[in-house]
């Protein structure tokens, strides 16, 4: 009996201990919930006292702008802007883009008797418009903010216009660029797949045949390539790009060497944004996957008579024709160089259009190195989208198109007046033709030697066809004198 009583007392003591701990846990949870409830009440009072934000409706703001003013603000027409929104919605869905119509539809569920209160409360759109001092920012406004900053607008003006905090403005900017604009499913590049599509290459070649007055002698051009220097701030140690001095170009600023190839319509077919500002065009091109792709297919392209063209900063190959060096005025070589340049000029025009349209490029990009690369890529993707919209609408009003760039020109002049030490325009990576054909790493590979010899024969063949056809460089005014500049380029003076 004594042992049984002792066992019973122990079991009762254990049960009381468990009950005591449960009561303690319950009291702690109750205390925590009471504190949390007080915080919620306090925050809700502060939210009620905070000045409510009345954001402008996008459709009202859009209607208040004329077509020309909208184009000047956002660098595209209203129809083009709507098409871009539709492409984002088709890829990302309304749940992520959240258009203005989508938000209004969700808010109407508040008055729908079939929608439960818990379901409405879980909706981020309903919560933002009910329990905060502001309203949900629709996708059109986010895209408009991004385009306006790319066009050169200030985040201070945009924050005040759309009632958005200044810090959140740049959060929207970087998010839209990374997730929407630089999305290959929304705004893709043809890329290396372009060289596997013979139909598209032949279509590009037919477009280039109409350039100049050579009457189809240059009949196999499938692209024009060049380098473009984009100004950036000095990379920091946190960017982890190695020695920042490598980005300081000989033009006197930090930059990135962008390699790009375009067609006759200034559509970017391929680009590479990874070379330092000090790197020569020839070396930067040889480090790209496109160079290796062309080197592997040079026999196939040569048999079809297809090639790309570039300036004298590149090495001659069967797939890359460059001008003759040290050509004498009105010689056969000079004639080839002249007609070659009339086809190559489109890549210069593409760079000029990008630089003139997006005012953010007028000053050095001041973000992190990764964000700078994303901004450059976004300007080129948006350029392609605008070019394709222009190609789709062949009946575009040339008068409004010219007025658009006249407006850009006025903004550029005003910018240069306020910033006299800045330079706006196309900045080529190399203005001279000196290059190392083998990069100082010994003899050329056998495939590169064969490609160079085929390219030399093809260039001579085109030159002979021009001479036999009676084509020459147009005569200049009487009394003009030819001379060589410091970069060994042929120039003339009318004095």
Protein backbone atom coordinates (compact mmCIF):
# COMPACT_ATOMS: atom_id res chain seq x y z
CA UNK A 1 0.00 0.00 0.00
CA UNK A 2 2.77 2.38 0.83
CA UNK A 3 4.42 1.84 -2.60
CA UNK A 4 1.09 2.32 -4.43
CA UNK A 5 0.37 5.58 -2.58
CA UNK A 6 3.83 6.87 -3.41
CA UNK A 7 3.35 6.05 -7.11
CA UNK A 8 -0.06 7.82 -7.12
CA UNK A 9 1.41 10.96 -5.54
CA UNK A 10 4.17 11.09 -8.15
CA UNK A 11 1.75 10.73 -11.05
CA UNK A 12 -0.47 13.50 -9.66
CA UNK A 13 2.57 15.76 -9.26
CA UNK A 14 3.60 15.13 -12.91
CA UNK A 15 0.12 15.98 -14.13
CA UNK A 16 0.07 19.18 -12.09
CA UNK A 17 3.46 20.13 -13.54
CA UNK A 18 2.22 19.64 -17.09
CA UNK A 19 -0.87 21.69 -16.30
CA UNK A 20 1.28 24.44 -14.82
CA UNK A 21 3.45 24.65 -17.96
CA UNK A 22 0.37 24.72 -20.19
CA UNK A 23 -1.04 27.61 -18.17
CA UNK A 24 2.27 29.47 -18.47
CA UNK A 25 2.38 28.98 -22.25
CA UNK A 26 -1.24 30.12 -22.53
CA UNK A 27 -0.50 33.27 -20.50
CA UNK A 28 2.55 34.08 -22.66
CA UNK A 29 0.58 33.65 -25.89
CA UNK A 30 -2.24 35.79 -24.52
CA UNK A 31 0.21 38.51 -23.55
CA UNK A 32 1.83 38.42 -27.00
CA UNK A 33 -1.52 38.64 -28.76
CA UNK A 34 -2.57 41.60 -26.65
CA UNK A 35 0.65 43.45 -27.47
CA UNK A 36 0.28 42.64 -31.17
CA UNK A 37 -3.32 43.84 -31.14
CA UNK A 38 -2.22 47.13 -29.56
CA UNK A 39 0.36 47.59 -32.31
CA UNK A 40 -2.25 46.95 -34.98
CA UNK A 41 -4.57 49.48 -33.42
CA UNK A 42 -1.73 51.99 -33.15
CA UNK A 43 -0.71 51.51 -36.79
CA UNK A 44 -4.27 51.85 -37.98
CA UNK A 45 -4.60 55.13 -36.08
CA UNK A 46 -1.43 56.44 -37.66
CA UNK A 47 -2.64 55.35 -41.08
CA UNK A 48 -5.91 57.24 -40.52
CA UNK A 49 -4.03 60.37 -39.51
CA UNK A 50 -1.70 60.14 -42.52
CA UNK A 51 -2.65 62.25 -45.53
CA UNK A 52 -4.34 59.95 -48.06
CA UNK A 53 -2.70 59.78 -51.49
CA UNK A 54 -4.90 60.50 -54.45
CA UNK A 55 -3.05 58.97 -57.39
CA UNK A 56 -3.96 60.13 -60.84
CA UNK A 57 -5.81 57.58 -62.96
CA UNK A 58 -3.70 56.36 -65.84
CA UNK A 59 -6.43 56.54 -68.46
CA UNK A 60 -7.19 60.14 -67.44
CA UNK A 61 -3.53 61.11 -67.57
CA UNK A 62 -3.12 59.39 -70.94
CA UNK A 63 -6.11 61.19 -72.43
CA UNK A 64 -4.84 64.54 -71.17
CA UNK A 65 -1.68 64.22 -73.32
CA UNK A 66 -1.65 64.80 -77.04
CA UNK A 67 -0.04 62.20 -79.27
CA UNK A 68 3.09 64.30 -79.78
CA UNK A 69 3.49 65.08 -76.06
CA UNK A 70 3.01 61.42 -75.14
CA UNK A 71 5.65 60.43 -77.67
CA UNK A 72 8.09 63.01 -76.32
CA UNK A 73 7.53 61.91 -72.72
CA UNK A 74 7.67 58.15 -73.18
CA UNK A 75 9.54 57.87 -76.52
CA UNK A 76 6.78 55.87 -78.18
CA UNK A 77 3.25 56.35 -79.41
CA UNK A 78 0.17 55.53 -77.37
CA UNK A 79 -0.58 52.53 -79.57
CA UNK A 80 2.98 51.25 -79.17
CA UNK A 81 2.73 51.66 -75.39
CA UNK A 82 -0.53 49.68 -75.32
CA UNK A 83 1.06 46.92 -77.43
CA UNK A 84 3.96 46.69 -74.98
CA UNK A 85 1.54 46.39 -72.06
CA UNK A 86 -0.32 43.63 -73.89
CA UNK A 87 2.90 41.69 -74.51
CA UNK A 88 3.80 41.88 -70.82
CA UNK A 89 0.32 40.76 -69.78
CA UNK A 90 0.36 37.84 -72.24
CA UNK A 91 3.66 36.62 -70.78
CA UNK A 92 3.46 37.53 -67.10
CA UNK A 93 -0.29 37.51 -66.61
CA UNK A 94 -2.64 40.04 -65.09
CA UNK A 95 -1.89 38.83 -61.56
CA UNK A 96 1.64 40.24 -61.85
CA UNK A 97 1.13 43.20 -64.19
CA UNK A 98 -2.09 44.36 -62.52
CA UNK A 99 -3.45 46.73 -65.10
CA UNK A 100 -5.77 49.56 -64.10
CA UNK A 101 -8.79 47.62 -65.36
CA UNK A 102 -7.71 44.55 -63.37
CA UNK A 103 -7.47 46.62 -60.16
CA UNK A 104 -10.89 48.17 -60.69
CA UNK A 105 -12.38 44.72 -61.25
CA UNK A 106 -10.90 43.45 -57.97
CA UNK A 107 -12.21 46.45 -56.05
CA UNK A 108 -15.73 45.83 -57.35
CA UNK A 109 -15.67 42.47 -55.55
CA UNK A 110 -16.15 44.39 -52.30
CA UNK A 111 -19.76 45.00 -53.27
CA UNK A 112 -20.26 41.49 -54.60
CA UNK A 113 -22.36 39.45 -52.18
CA UNK A 114 -20.98 36.16 -53.54
CA UNK A 115 -17.41 37.07 -52.52
CA UNK A 116 -16.54 36.26 -48.92
CA UNK A 117 -14.94 38.86 -46.65
CA UNK A 118 -11.90 36.62 -46.00
CA UNK A 119 -11.24 36.25 -49.73
CA UNK A 120 -11.46 40.02 -50.25
CA UNK A 121 -9.19 40.63 -47.29
CA UNK A 122 -6.51 38.28 -48.68
CA UNK A 123 -6.42 40.26 -51.94
CA UNK A 124 -3.36 42.52 -52.05
CA UNK A 125 -5.22 44.98 -54.26
CA UNK A 126 -8.15 45.23 -51.84
CA UNK A 127 -5.80 45.51 -48.85
CA UNK A 128 -3.72 48.28 -50.47
CA UNK A 129 -6.80 50.34 -51.28
CA UNK A 130 -8.56 49.77 -47.94
CA UNK A 131 -6.04 49.51 -45.12
CA UNK A 132 -3.33 51.91 -46.35
CA UNK A 133 -3.17 55.61 -47.14
CA UNK A 134 -2.39 54.99 -50.80
CA UNK A 135 -3.74 52.96 -53.67
CA UNK A 136 -2.28 50.06 -55.61
CA UNK A 137 0.10 51.17 -58.40
CA UNK A 138 -1.08 49.74 -61.71
CA UNK A 139 1.27 48.18 -64.28
CA UNK A 140 0.79 51.00 -66.78
CA UNK A 141 2.11 53.53 -64.27
CA UNK A 142 5.10 51.32 -63.40
CA UNK A 143 5.97 50.98 -67.08
CA UNK A 144 5.48 54.71 -67.67
CA UNK A 145 7.82 55.54 -64.77
CA UNK A 146 10.48 53.25 -66.21
CA UNK A 147 10.21 54.70 -69.72
CA UNK A 148 10.31 58.25 -68.40
CA UNK A 149 13.48 57.62 -66.36
CA UNK A 150 15.08 55.99 -69.41
CA UNK A 151 14.09 59.05 -71.43
CA UNK A 152 15.99 61.26 -68.97
CA UNK A 153 13.25 62.19 -66.50
CA UNK A 154 13.93 62.82 -62.82
CA UNK A 155 12.72 60.46 -60.13
CA UNK A 156 11.79 63.55 -58.04
CA UNK A 157 9.30 64.75 -60.64
CA UNK A 158 7.88 61.27 -61.18
CA UNK A 159 7.43 60.68 -57.44
CA UNK A 160 5.51 63.92 -57.09
CA UNK A 161 3.43 63.30 -60.24
CA UNK A 162 2.26 59.79 -59.31
CA UNK A 163 2.35 60.25 -55.48
CA UNK A 164 5.05 57.62 -55.01
CA UNK A 165 7.92 57.75 -52.55
CA UNK A 166 11.22 58.64 -54.15
CA UNK A 167 13.00 55.48 -53.01
CA UNK A 168 10.22 53.26 -54.32
CA UNK A 169 10.45 54.96 -57.73
CA UNK A 170 13.82 53.34 -58.43
CA UNK A 171 12.63 50.02 -57.01
CA UNK A 172 9.92 50.07 -59.65
CA UNK A 173 12.46 51.11 -62.29
CA UNK A 174 14.89 48.23 -61.69
CA UNK A 175 12.09 45.67 -61.26
CA UNK A 176 10.39 46.56 -64.55
CA UNK A 177 13.69 46.49 -66.43
CA UNK A 178 14.78 43.14 -65.03
CA UNK A 179 11.49 41.25 -65.01
CA UNK A 180 9.56 42.79 -67.92
CA UNK A 181 11.75 44.57 -70.46
CA UNK A 182 14.84 42.32 -70.35
CA UNK A 183 12.68 39.23 -70.64
CA UNK A 184 13.47 37.09 -73.70
CA UNK A 185 9.84 35.99 -73.86
CA UNK A 186 8.61 39.60 -74.07
CA UNK A 187 11.28 41.51 -76.02
CA UNK A 188 13.62 38.92 -77.56
CA UNK A 189 16.69 39.29 -79.79
CA UNK A 190 17.21 37.07 -82.85
CA UNK A 191 20.63 36.25 -81.40
CA UNK A 192 22.79 33.42 -82.68
CA UNK A 193 19.73 31.58 -83.99
CA UNK A 194 19.63 34.20 -86.74
CA UNK A 195 22.61 32.51 -88.47
CA UNK A 196 20.68 29.24 -88.65
CA UNK A 197 17.68 30.86 -90.38
CA UNK A 198 18.60 31.09 -94.07
CA UNK A 199 15.23 32.68 -94.94
CA UNK A 200 15.73 35.58 -92.54
CA UNK A 201 19.34 36.08 -93.65
CA UNK A 202 18.34 36.22 -97.32
CA UNK A 203 15.60 38.73 -96.50
CA UNK A 204 18.16 40.93 -94.74
CA UNK A 205 20.52 40.62 -97.71
CA UNK A 206 17.77 41.78 -100.11
CA UNK A 207 17.16 44.84 -97.91
CA UNK A 208 20.85 45.77 -98.00
CA UNK A 209 20.90 45.47 -101.80
CA UNK A 210 18.75 48.59 -101.98
CA UNK A 211 21.33 50.65 -100.05
CA UNK A 212 23.33 53.20 -102.05
CA UNK A 213 23.67 53.10 -105.82
CA UNK A 214 25.75 49.95 -106.31
CA UNK A 215 22.76 48.16 -107.92
CA UNK A 216 23.03 44.91 -105.98
CA UNK A 217 26.79 44.31 -106.21
CA UNK A 218 26.84 44.00 -102.41
CA UNK A 219 24.22 41.27 -102.53
CA UNK A 220 25.15 39.07 -99.55
CA UNK A 221 25.20 41.42 -96.57
CA UNK A 222 23.38 39.88 -93.62
CA UNK A 223 24.30 42.51 -91.03
CA UNK A 224 26.44 45.52 -90.15
CA UNK A 225 28.53 45.38 -86.97
CA UNK A 226 30.24 48.07 -84.92
CA UNK A 227 31.28 48.99 -81.39
CA UNK A 228 29.62 51.59 -79.19
CA UNK A 229 30.98 53.16 -76.01
CA UNK A 230 28.39 53.76 -73.28
CA UNK A 231 29.48 56.00 -70.42
CA UNK A 232 29.27 54.58 -66.87
CA UNK A 233 30.58 55.68 -63.50
CA UNK A 234 33.81 54.20 -62.21
CA UNK A 235 33.10 50.59 -61.13
CA UNK A 236 33.44 50.10 -57.38
CA UNK A 237 34.99 47.27 -55.43
CA UNK A 238 31.53 45.93 -54.63
CA UNK A 239 30.87 45.46 -58.37
CA UNK A 240 33.60 42.76 -58.51
CA UNK A 241 34.70 43.52 -62.05
CA UNK A 242 38.44 43.41 -61.43
CA UNK A 243 40.58 46.40 -62.21
CA UNK A 244 38.33 49.44 -62.78
CA UNK A 245 41.09 51.10 -64.87
CA UNK A 246 40.24 48.67 -67.69
CA UNK A 247 36.97 50.55 -68.16
CA UNK A 248 38.63 53.95 -68.62
CA UNK A 249 38.59 54.52 -72.37
CA UNK A 250 41.05 56.62 -74.32
CA UNK A 251 38.26 59.18 -74.83
CA UNK A 252 38.59 60.20 -71.20
CA UNK A 253 35.70 58.50 -69.39
CA UNK A 254 34.69 55.13 -67.95
CA UNK A 255 32.66 53.12 -70.41
CA UNK A 256 31.46 49.73 -71.63
CA UNK A 257 32.22 48.50 -75.15
CA UNK A 258 28.93 47.31 -76.66
CA UNK A 259 29.20 45.15 -79.79
CA UNK A 260 26.06 45.04 -81.92
CA UNK A 261 24.93 43.94 -85.38
CA UNK A 262 21.92 45.48 -87.13
CA UNK A 263 19.99 45.12 -90.37
CA UNK A 264 19.03 47.81 -92.85
CA UNK A 265 16.02 48.84 -90.74
CA UNK A 266 18.31 49.50 -87.72
CA UNK A 267 16.92 46.44 -85.95
CA UNK A 268 19.50 44.95 -83.57
CA UNK A 269 20.04 41.32 -84.54
CA UNK A 270 22.71 40.53 -81.95
CA UNK A 271 24.52 42.35 -79.15
CA UNK A 272 27.24 41.75 -76.57
CA UNK A 273 27.52 43.94 -73.45
CA UNK A 274 30.50 42.59 -71.57
CA UNK A 275 33.71 44.26 -72.80
CA UNK A 276 35.69 46.98 -71.05
CA UNK A 277 35.97 50.48 -72.46
CA UNK A 278 39.68 50.08 -73.17
CA UNK A 279 39.19 46.97 -75.29
CA UNK A 280 39.57 47.24 -79.05
CA UNK A 281 36.60 46.37 -81.26
CA UNK A 282 38.48 43.50 -82.90
CA UNK A 283 39.44 41.93 -79.57
CA UNK A 284 36.00 42.51 -78.07
CA UNK A 285 34.35 40.81 -81.07
CA UNK A 286 36.69 37.81 -80.95
CA UNK A 287 35.67 37.13 -77.33
CA UNK A 288 31.99 36.77 -78.23
CA UNK A 289 30.07 33.60 -79.01
CA UNK A 290 29.01 35.13 -82.33
CA UNK A 291 32.60 35.18 -83.59
CA UNK A 292 33.03 31.48 -82.79
CA UNK A 293 29.69 30.74 -84.44
CA UNK A 294 30.71 32.53 -87.65
CA UNK A 295 34.15 30.93 -87.61
CA UNK A 296 32.55 27.48 -87.45
CA UNK A 297 30.16 28.30 -90.31
CA UNK A 298 32.50 30.32 -92.53
CA UNK A 299 32.61 27.68 -95.28
CA UNK A 300 28.83 27.39 -95.36
CA UNK A 301 28.33 31.17 -95.42
CA UNK A 302 31.03 31.63 -98.09
CA UNK A 303 29.39 29.05 -100.34
CA UNK A 304 26.13 31.00 -100.11
CA UNK A 305 27.86 34.37 -100.63
CA UNK A 306 26.76 35.72 -97.23
CA UNK A 307 28.80 37.97 -94.95
CA UNK A 308 28.59 40.84 -92.49
CA UNK A 309 30.34 44.20 -92.83
CA UNK A 310 32.29 46.30 -90.34
CA UNK A 311 34.73 49.18 -90.20
CA UNK A 312 38.52 48.92 -90.32
CA UNK A 313 38.72 48.28 -86.57
CA UNK A 314 37.91 44.62 -87.29
CA UNK A 315 40.04 41.91 -88.86
CA UNK A 316 39.21 40.75 -92.39
CA UNK A 317 37.46 37.39 -92.59
CA UNK A 318 35.34 35.57 -95.13
CA UNK A 319 32.27 36.34 -93.00
CA UNK A 320 33.37 39.92 -92.15
CA UNK A 321 34.35 42.35 -94.91
CA UNK A 322 36.16 45.54 -93.88
CA UNK A 323 37.39 48.55 -95.91
CA UNK A 324 40.78 48.74 -97.60
CA UNK A 325 43.50 50.47 -95.61
CA UNK A 326 45.29 53.54 -97.03
CA UNK A 327 43.07 53.74 -100.11
CA UNK A 328 44.01 56.59 -102.47
CA UNK A 329 41.24 59.03 -103.45
CA UNK A 330 39.16 57.86 -106.44
CA UNK A 331 41.08 54.60 -106.66
CA UNK A 332 39.35 51.23 -107.03
CA UNK A 333 39.91 50.59 -103.32
CA UNK A 334 38.43 53.98 -102.45
CA UNK A 335 35.37 53.20 -104.57
CA UNK A 336 34.90 49.95 -102.66
CA UNK A 337 35.25 51.78 -99.33
CA UNK A 338 32.66 54.37 -100.34
CA UNK A 339 29.98 51.86 -101.33
CA UNK A 340 30.90 49.71 -98.35
CA UNK A 341 30.26 52.65 -96.01
CA UNK A 342 26.83 53.38 -97.56
CA UNK A 343 25.73 49.95 -96.33
CA UNK A 344 27.59 50.08 -93.02
CA UNK A 345 26.13 53.42 -91.98
CA UNK A 346 22.94 51.80 -90.64
CA UNK A 347 24.66 50.52 -87.53
CA UNK A 348 25.88 54.06 -86.81
CA UNK A 349 22.32 55.32 -87.31
CA UNK A 350 20.98 52.69 -84.90
CA UNK A 351 23.42 53.72 -82.17
CA UNK A 352 22.60 57.37 -82.80
CA UNK A 353 18.86 56.72 -82.53
CA UNK A 354 19.27 54.83 -79.25
CA UNK A 355 21.51 57.51 -77.78
CA UNK A 356 19.24 60.34 -78.90
CA UNK A 357 16.02 58.68 -77.73
CA UNK A 358 17.06 57.58 -74.23
CA UNK A 359 18.32 60.59 -72.30
CA UNK A 360 19.60 58.43 -69.45
CA UNK A 361 22.60 57.68 -71.71
CA UNK A 362 23.53 61.36 -72.01
CA UNK A 363 25.35 61.17 -68.68
CA UNK A 364 27.40 58.32 -67.20
CA UNK A 365 25.12 55.61 -65.80
CA UNK A 366 25.33 55.91 -62.03
CA UNK A 367 23.97 52.55 -60.87
CA UNK A 368 25.81 49.40 -59.87
CA UNK A 369 27.66 47.66 -62.68
CA UNK A 370 25.00 44.95 -62.94
CA UNK A 371 22.19 47.49 -63.12
CA UNK A 372 24.14 49.52 -65.69
CA UNK A 373 24.32 46.48 -67.95
CA UNK A 374 20.60 45.91 -67.52
CA UNK A 375 19.80 49.53 -68.39
CA UNK A 376 21.90 49.37 -71.58
CA UNK A 377 20.22 46.12 -72.58
CA UNK A 378 16.78 47.61 -71.88
CA UNK A 379 17.40 50.61 -74.14
CA UNK A 380 18.40 48.30 -76.99
CA UNK A 381 15.43 45.96 -76.52
CA UNK A 382 13.00 48.88 -76.44
CA UNK A 383 14.68 50.28 -79.55
CA UNK A 384 13.98 46.98 -81.32
CA UNK A 385 10.37 47.04 -80.18
CA UNK A 386 9.88 50.57 -81.54
CA UNK A 387 11.62 49.67 -84.83
CA UNK A 388 9.41 46.60 -85.29
CA UNK A 389 6.33 48.72 -84.57
CA UNK A 390 7.58 51.18 -87.20
CA UNK A 391 8.11 48.36 -89.70
CA UNK A 392 4.66 46.95 -88.97
CA UNK A 393 3.00 50.32 -89.59
CA UNK A 394 4.40 51.13 -93.00
CA UNK A 395 2.01 54.05 -93.29
CA UNK A 396 3.59 55.88 -90.38
CA UNK A 397 3.29 59.62 -90.46
CA UNK A 398 6.79 60.78 -91.37
CA UNK A 399 5.96 64.30 -90.22
CA UNK A 400 5.22 63.17 -86.65
CA UNK A 401 8.26 60.89 -86.74
CA UNK A 402 10.51 63.79 -87.71
CA UNK A 403 8.91 66.00 -85.06
CA UNK A 404 9.72 63.34 -82.49
CA UNK A 405 13.44 63.50 -83.20
CA UNK A 406 13.32 67.28 -83.50
CA UNK A 407 12.01 67.25 -79.95
CA UNK A 408 14.85 64.97 -78.88
CA UNK A 409 17.28 67.36 -80.52
CA UNK A 410 15.84 70.31 -78.59
CA UNK A 411 16.16 68.39 -75.33
CA UNK A 412 19.75 67.47 -76.22
CA UNK A 413 20.67 71.10 -76.89
CA UNK A 414 19.13 72.15 -73.59
CA UNK A 415 21.03 69.40 -71.79
CA UNK A 416 24.35 70.47 -73.33
CA UNK A 417 23.72 74.06 -72.29
CA UNK A 418 23.31 72.94 -68.69
CA UNK A 419 26.19 70.44 -68.90
CA UNK A 420 28.85 71.96 -71.17
CA UNK A 421 31.43 69.28 -70.35
CA UNK A 422 29.24 66.36 -71.47
CA UNK A 423 29.18 64.77 -74.93
CA UNK A 424 26.01 63.45 -76.56
CA UNK A 425 26.07 61.26 -79.63
CA UNK A 426 27.55 58.05 -80.98
CA UNK A 427 30.92 57.29 -79.44
CA UNK A 428 32.69 54.52 -81.32
CA UNK A 429 35.04 52.28 -79.43
CA UNK A 430 37.76 52.87 -82.02
CA UNK A 431 38.21 55.76 -84.42
CA UNK A 432 41.40 54.29 -85.85
CA UNK A 433 42.09 51.11 -87.80
CA UNK A 434 45.13 49.79 -85.98
CA UNK A 435 44.54 46.29 -84.61
CA UNK A 436 46.33 43.05 -83.93
CA UNK A 437 45.01 40.30 -86.14
CA UNK A 438 46.05 37.55 -83.75
CA UNK A 439 45.83 39.45 -80.45
CA UNK A 440 49.54 38.83 -79.82
CA UNK A 441 48.96 35.16 -79.07
CA UNK A 442 51.06 33.61 -81.82
CA UNK A 443 50.03 32.52 -85.29
CA UNK A 444 46.45 32.48 -86.51
CA UNK A 445 44.48 29.27 -86.36
CA UNK A 446 44.20 27.38 -89.62
CA UNK A 447 40.48 28.11 -89.91
CA UNK A 448 41.14 31.82 -89.30
CA UNK A 449 43.86 31.87 -91.98
CA UNK A 450 41.56 30.20 -94.50
CA UNK A 451 38.72 32.56 -93.62
CA UNK A 452 40.99 35.59 -94.02
CA UNK A 453 42.15 34.47 -97.47
CA UNK A 454 38.57 33.83 -98.63
CA UNK A 455 37.58 37.26 -97.33
CA UNK A 456 40.45 38.90 -99.21
CA UNK A 457 39.41 37.19 -102.46
CA UNK A 458 35.76 38.15 -101.96
CA UNK A 459 36.62 41.78 -101.28
CA UNK A 460 38.80 41.96 -104.39
CA UNK A 461 36.03 40.37 -106.44
CA UNK A 462 33.48 42.98 -105.27
CA UNK A 463 35.98 45.75 -105.97
CA UNK A 464 36.51 44.50 -109.54
CA UNK A 465 32.75 44.31 -110.09
CA UNK A 466 32.39 47.93 -109.00
CA UNK A 467 35.17 49.04 -111.34
CA UNK A 468 33.80 47.02 -114.26
CA UNK A 469 30.37 48.49 -113.65
CA UNK A 470 31.72 52.01 -113.85
CA UNK A 471 30.98 52.89 -110.22
CA UNK A 472 33.13 55.56 -108.54
CA UNK A 473 32.98 57.80 -105.53
CA UNK A 474 30.87 60.91 -106.30
CA UNK A 475 32.97 63.92 -107.23
CA UNK A 476 33.37 66.64 -104.64
CA UNK A 477 33.28 70.37 -105.21
CA UNK A 478 35.99 72.05 -107.24
CA UNK A 479 38.98 73.17 -105.22
CA UNK A 480 38.54 70.63 -102.41
CA UNK A 481 41.68 68.92 -101.18
CA UNK A 482 42.08 65.40 -99.82
CA UNK A 483 44.09 64.75 -96.69
CA UNK A 484 44.64 62.13 -94.01
CA UNK A 485 43.57 62.81 -90.43
CA UNK A 486 45.37 61.55 -87.35
CA UNK A 487 43.40 58.29 -87.52
CA UNK A 488 44.51 57.73 -91.16
CA UNK A 489 41.01 58.30 -92.51
CA UNK A 490 40.41 59.93 -95.87
CA UNK A 491 39.05 63.47 -95.45
CA UNK A 492 38.63 66.47 -97.70
CA UNK A 493 38.52 70.20 -97.12
CA UNK A 494 36.68 72.72 -99.28
CA UNK A 495 39.21 75.44 -98.44
